[in-house]
Amino acid sequence: MPPRSSESGNPTPDAYVGLLFVSLAALLTGIIFLFLELSDYGFKIAP
């Protein structure tokens, strides 16, 4: 099988790339809310 040629330039992002950014934003939002919830209970991050 011959290697792919890059004559067409960079591939264009599709809907799946957008979903990756949505999932990254959801993970970061969840981590922030988890930290805020744990701080209500006096949770401290060890130095």
PDB file of N, CA and C in Angstrom:
ATOM      1  N   MET A   1       0.857  -1.179   0.000  1.00  0.00           N
ATOM      2  CA  MET A   1       0.000   0.000   0.000  1.00  0.00           C
ATOM      3  C   MET A   1       0.895   1.232   0.000  1.00  0.00           C
ATOM      4  N   PRO A   2       0.727   2.110  -0.957  1.00  0.00           N
ATOM      5  CA  PRO A   2       1.568   3.313  -1.004  1.00  0.00           C
ATOM      6  C   PRO A   2       1.181   4.297   0.103  1.00  0.00           C
ATOM      7  N   PRO A   3       2.149   5.079   0.566  1.00  0.00           N
ATOM      8  CA  PRO A   3       1.822   6.070   1.607  1.00  0.00           C
ATOM      9  C   PRO A   3       0.895   7.142   1.062  1.00  0.00           C
ATOM     10  N   ARG A   4       0.188   7.749   1.967  1.00  0.00           N
ATOM     11  CA  ARG A   4      -0.718   8.834   1.579  1.00  0.00           C
ATOM     12  C   ARG A   4       0.067  10.029   1.078  1.00  0.00           C
ATOM     13  N   SER A   5      -0.426  10.658   0.071  1.00  0.00           N
ATOM     14  CA  SER A   5       0.222  11.876  -0.402  1.00  0.00           C
ATOM     15  C   SER A   5      -0.434  13.072   0.272  1.00  0.00           C
ATOM     16  N   SER A   6       0.364  14.076   0.511  1.00  0.00           N
ATOM     17  CA  SER A   6      -0.156  15.273   1.182  1.00  0.00           C
ATOM     18  C   SER A   6      -0.360  16.397   0.175  1.00  0.00           C
ATOM     19  N   GLU A   7      -0.813  16.041  -1.001  1.00  0.00           N
ATOM     20  CA  GLU A   7      -1.011  17.053  -2.036  1.00  0.00           C
ATOM     21  C   GLU A   7      -2.157  18.004  -1.698  1.00  0.00           C
ATOM     22  N   SER A   8      -3.147  17.507  -0.959  1.00  0.00           N
ATOM     23  CA  SER A   8      -4.310  18.341  -0.670  1.00  0.00           C
ATOM     24  C   SER A   8      -4.086  19.265   0.528  1.00  0.00           C
ATOM     25  N   GLY A   9      -2.921  19.205   1.166  1.00  0.00           N
ATOM     26  CA  GLY A   9      -2.644  20.077   2.308  1.00  0.00           C
ATOM     27  C   GLY A   9      -3.154  19.468   3.597  1.00  0.00           C
ATOM     28  N   ASN A  10      -3.417  20.312   4.561  1.00  0.00           N
ATOM     29  CA  ASN A  10      -3.889  19.847   5.862  1.00  0.00           C
ATOM     30  C   ASN A  10      -5.325  19.371   5.769  1.00  0.00           C
ATOM     31  N   PRO A  11      -5.666  18.291   6.494  1.00  0.00           N
ATOM     32  CA  PRO A  11      -7.060  17.858   6.486  1.00  0.00           C
ATOM     33  C   PRO A  11      -7.947  18.857   7.232  1.00  0.00           C
ATOM     34  N   THR A  12      -9.161  19.003   6.777  1.00  0.00           N
ATOM     35  CA  THR A  12     -10.076  19.937   7.432  1.00  0.00           C
ATOM     36  C   THR A  12     -10.714  19.278   8.639  1.00  0.00           C
ATOM     37  N   PRO A  13     -10.866  20.008   9.735  1.00  0.00           N
ATOM     38  CA  PRO A  13     -11.500  19.442  10.921  1.00  0.00           C
ATOM     39  C   PRO A  13     -12.972  19.138  10.641  1.00  0.00           C
ATOM     40  N   ASP A  14     -13.451  18.037  11.192  1.00  0.00           N
ATOM     41  CA  ASP A  14     -14.846  17.664  10.996  1.00  0.00           C
ATOM     42  C   ASP A  14     -15.591  17.734  12.327  1.00  0.00           C
ATOM     43  N   ALA A  15     -16.765  17.149  12.372  1.00  0.00           N
ATOM     44  CA  ALA A  15     -17.611  17.229  13.564  1.00  0.00           C
ATOM     45  C   ALA A  15     -16.968  16.532  14.757  1.00  0.00           C
ATOM     46  N   TYR A  16     -16.152  15.511  14.510  1.00  0.00           N
ATOM     47  CA  TYR A  16     -15.537  14.784  15.614  1.00  0.00           C
ATOM     48  C   TYR A  16     -14.498  15.621  16.346  1.00  0.00           C
ATOM     49  N   VAL A  17     -13.831  16.498  15.643  1.00  0.00           N
ATOM     50  CA  VAL A  17     -12.891  17.415  16.293  1.00  0.00           C
ATOM     51  C   VAL A  17     -13.659  18.373  17.197  1.00  0.00           C
ATOM     52  N   GLY A  18     -14.798  18.837  16.731  1.00  0.00           N
ATOM     53  CA  GLY A  18     -15.646  19.687  17.574  1.00  0.00           C
ATOM     54  C   GLY A  18     -16.113  18.967  18.818  1.00  0.00           C
ATOM     55  N   LEU A  19     -16.455  17.686  18.675  1.00  0.00           N
ATOM     56  CA  LEU A  19     -16.879  16.902  19.834  1.00  0.00           C
ATOM     57  C   LEU A  19     -15.734  16.700  20.825  1.00  0.00           C
ATOM     58  N   LEU A  20     -14.512  16.610  20.333  1.00  0.00           N
ATOM     59  CA  LEU A  20     -13.364  16.510  21.238  1.00  0.00           C
ATOM     60  C   LEU A  20     -13.239  17.756  22.101  1.00  0.00           C
ATOM     61  N   PHE A  21     -13.433  18.928  21.488  1.00  0.00           N
ATOM     62  CA  PHE A  21     -13.356  20.164  22.273  1.00  0.00           C
ATOM     63  C   PHE A  21     -14.522  20.291  23.249  1.00  0.00           C
ATOM     64  N   VAL A  22     -15.701  19.816  22.857  1.00  0.00           N
ATOM     65  CA  VAL A  22     -16.848  19.838  23.774  1.00  0.00           C
ATOM     66  C   VAL A  22     -16.586  18.928  24.960  1.00  0.00           C
ATOM     67  N   SER A  23     -16.032  17.751  24.719  1.00  0.00           N
ATOM     68  CA  SER A  23     -15.759  16.838  25.822  1.00  0.00           C
ATOM     69  C   SER A  23     -14.655  17.369  26.723  1.00  0.00           C
ATOM     70  N   LEU A  24     -13.654  18.037  26.153  1.00  0.00           N
ATOM     71  CA  LEU A  24     -12.604  18.644  26.969  1.00  0.00           C
ATOM     72  C   LEU A  24     -13.177  19.743  27.864  1.00  0.00           C
ATOM     73  N   ALA A  25     -14.056  20.565  27.309  1.00  0.00           N
ATOM     74  CA  ALA A  25     -14.684  21.619  28.104  1.00  0.00           C
ATOM     75  C   ALA A  25     -15.544  21.024  29.216  1.00  0.00           C
ATOM     76  N   ALA A  26     -16.244  19.919  28.927  1.00  0.00           N
ATOM     77  CA  ALA A  26     -17.078  19.273  29.950  1.00  0.00           C
ATOM     78  C   ALA A  26     -16.217  18.693  31.068  1.00  0.00           C
ATOM     79  N   LEU A  27     -15.081  18.095  30.713  1.00  0.00           N
ATOM     80  CA  LEU A  27     -14.189  17.564  31.743  1.00  0.00           C
ATOM     81  C   LEU A  27     -13.638  18.670  32.631  1.00  0.00           C
ATOM     82  N   LEU A  28     -13.190  19.750  32.029  1.00  0.00           N
ATOM     83  CA  LEU A  28     -12.645  20.853  32.820  1.00  0.00           C
ATOM     84  C   LEU A  28     -13.705  21.479  33.711  1.00  0.00           C
ATOM     85  N   THR A  29     -14.921  21.635  33.195  1.00  0.00           N
ATOM     86  CA  THR A  29     -16.013  22.180  34.001  1.00  0.00           C
ATOM     87  C   THR A  29     -16.334  21.268  35.168  1.00  0.00           C
ATOM     88  N   GLY A  30     -16.358  19.963  34.926  1.00  0.00           N
ATOM     89  CA  GLY A  30     -16.620  19.000  35.997  1.00  0.00           C
ATOM     90  C   GLY A  30     -15.552  19.026  37.064  1.00  0.00           C
ATOM     91  N   ILE A  31     -14.288  19.157  36.660  1.00  0.00           N
ATOM     92  CA  ILE A  31     -13.198  19.217  37.636  1.00  0.00           C
ATOM     93  C   ILE A  31     -13.300  20.472  38.479  1.00  0.00           C
ATOM     94  N   ILE A  32     -13.652  21.587  37.847  1.00  0.00           N
ATOM     95  CA  ILE A  32     -13.793  22.845  38.601  1.00  0.00           C
ATOM     96  C   ILE A  32     -14.937  22.743  39.612  1.00  0.00           C
ATOM     97  N   PHE A  33     -16.081  22.203  39.178  1.00  0.00           N
ATOM     98  CA  PHE A  33     -17.203  22.071  40.112  1.00  0.00           C
ATOM     99  C   PHE A  33     -16.908  21.062  41.224  1.00  0.00           C
ATOM    100  N   LEU A  34     -16.159  20.003  40.918  1.00  0.00           N
ATOM    101  CA  LEU A  34     -15.772  19.045  41.954  1.00  0.00           C
ATOM    102  C   LEU A  34     -14.876  19.712  42.980  1.00  0.00           C
ATOM    103  N   PHE A  35     -13.922  20.512  42.532  1.00  0.00           N
ATOM    104  CA  PHE A  35     -13.048  21.216  43.458  1.00  0.00           C
ATOM    105  C   PHE A  35     -13.841  22.195  44.323  1.00  0.00           C
ATOM    106  N   LEU A  36     -14.781  22.908  43.715  1.00  0.00           N
ATOM    107  CA  LEU A  36     -15.591  23.850  44.494  1.00  0.00           C
ATOM    108  C   LEU A  36     -16.462  23.125  45.523  1.00  0.00           C
ATOM    109  N   GLU A  37     -16.993  21.978  45.159  1.00  0.00           N
ATOM    110  CA  GLU A  37     -17.822  21.209  46.089  1.00  0.00           C
ATOM    111  C   GLU A  37     -16.982  20.649  47.234  1.00  0.00           C
ATOM    112  N   LEU A  38     -15.795  20.144  46.920  1.00  0.00           N
ATOM    113  CA  LEU A  38     -14.932  19.595  47.964  1.00  0.00           C
ATOM    114  C   LEU A  38     -14.407  20.680  48.889  1.00  0.00           C
ATOM    115  N   SER A  39     -14.220  21.888  48.383  1.00  0.00           N
ATOM    116  CA  SER A  39     -13.730  22.966  49.244  1.00  0.00           C
ATOM    117  C   SER A  39     -14.778  23.361  50.288  1.00  0.00           C
ATOM    118  N   ASP A  40     -16.066  23.093  50.022  1.00  0.00           N
ATOM    119  CA  ASP A  40     -17.104  23.357  51.028  1.00  0.00           C
ATOM    120  C   ASP A  40     -16.942  22.453  52.242  1.00  0.00           C
ATOM    121  N   TYR A  41     -16.330  21.284  52.065  1.00  0.00           N
ATOM    122  CA  TYR A  41     -16.145  20.327  53.139  1.00  0.00           C
ATOM    123  C   TYR A  41     -14.765  20.413  53.765  1.00  0.00           C
ATOM    124  N   GLY A  42     -13.993  21.420  53.411  1.00  0.00           N
ATOM    125  CA  GLY A  42     -12.691  21.623  53.988  1.00  0.00           C
ATOM    126  C   GLY A  42     -11.593  20.766  53.372  1.00  0.00           C
ATOM    127  N   PHE A  43     -11.791  20.319  52.170  1.00  0.00           N
ATOM    128  CA  PHE A  43     -10.805  19.497  51.482  1.00  0.00           C
ATOM    129  C   PHE A  43      -9.620  20.359  51.083  1.00  0.00           C
ATOM    130  N   LYS A  44      -8.410  19.917  51.425  1.00  0.00           N
ATOM    131  CA  LYS A  44      -7.205  20.652  51.071  1.00  0.00           C
ATOM    132  C   LYS A  44      -6.326  19.762  50.207  1.00  0.00           C
ATOM    133  N   ILE A  45      -5.673  20.363  49.228  1.00  0.00           N
ATOM    134  CA  ILE A  45      -4.722  19.638  48.388  1.00  0.00           C
ATOM    135  C   ILE A  45      -3.389  19.594  49.128  1.00  0.00           C
ATOM    136  N   ALA A  46      -2.821  18.395  49.225  1.00  0.00           N
ATOM    137  CA  ALA A  46      -1.568  18.230  49.945  1.00  0.00           C
ATOM    138  C   ALA A  46      -0.439  18.956  49.211  1.00  0.00           C
ATOM    139  N   PRO A  47       0.440  19.626  49.959  1.00  0.00           N
ATOM    140  CA  PRO A  47       1.541  20.352  49.300  1.00  0.00           C
ATOM    141  C   PRO A  47       2.588  19.419  48.746  1.00  0.00           C
TER     142      PRO A  47
END
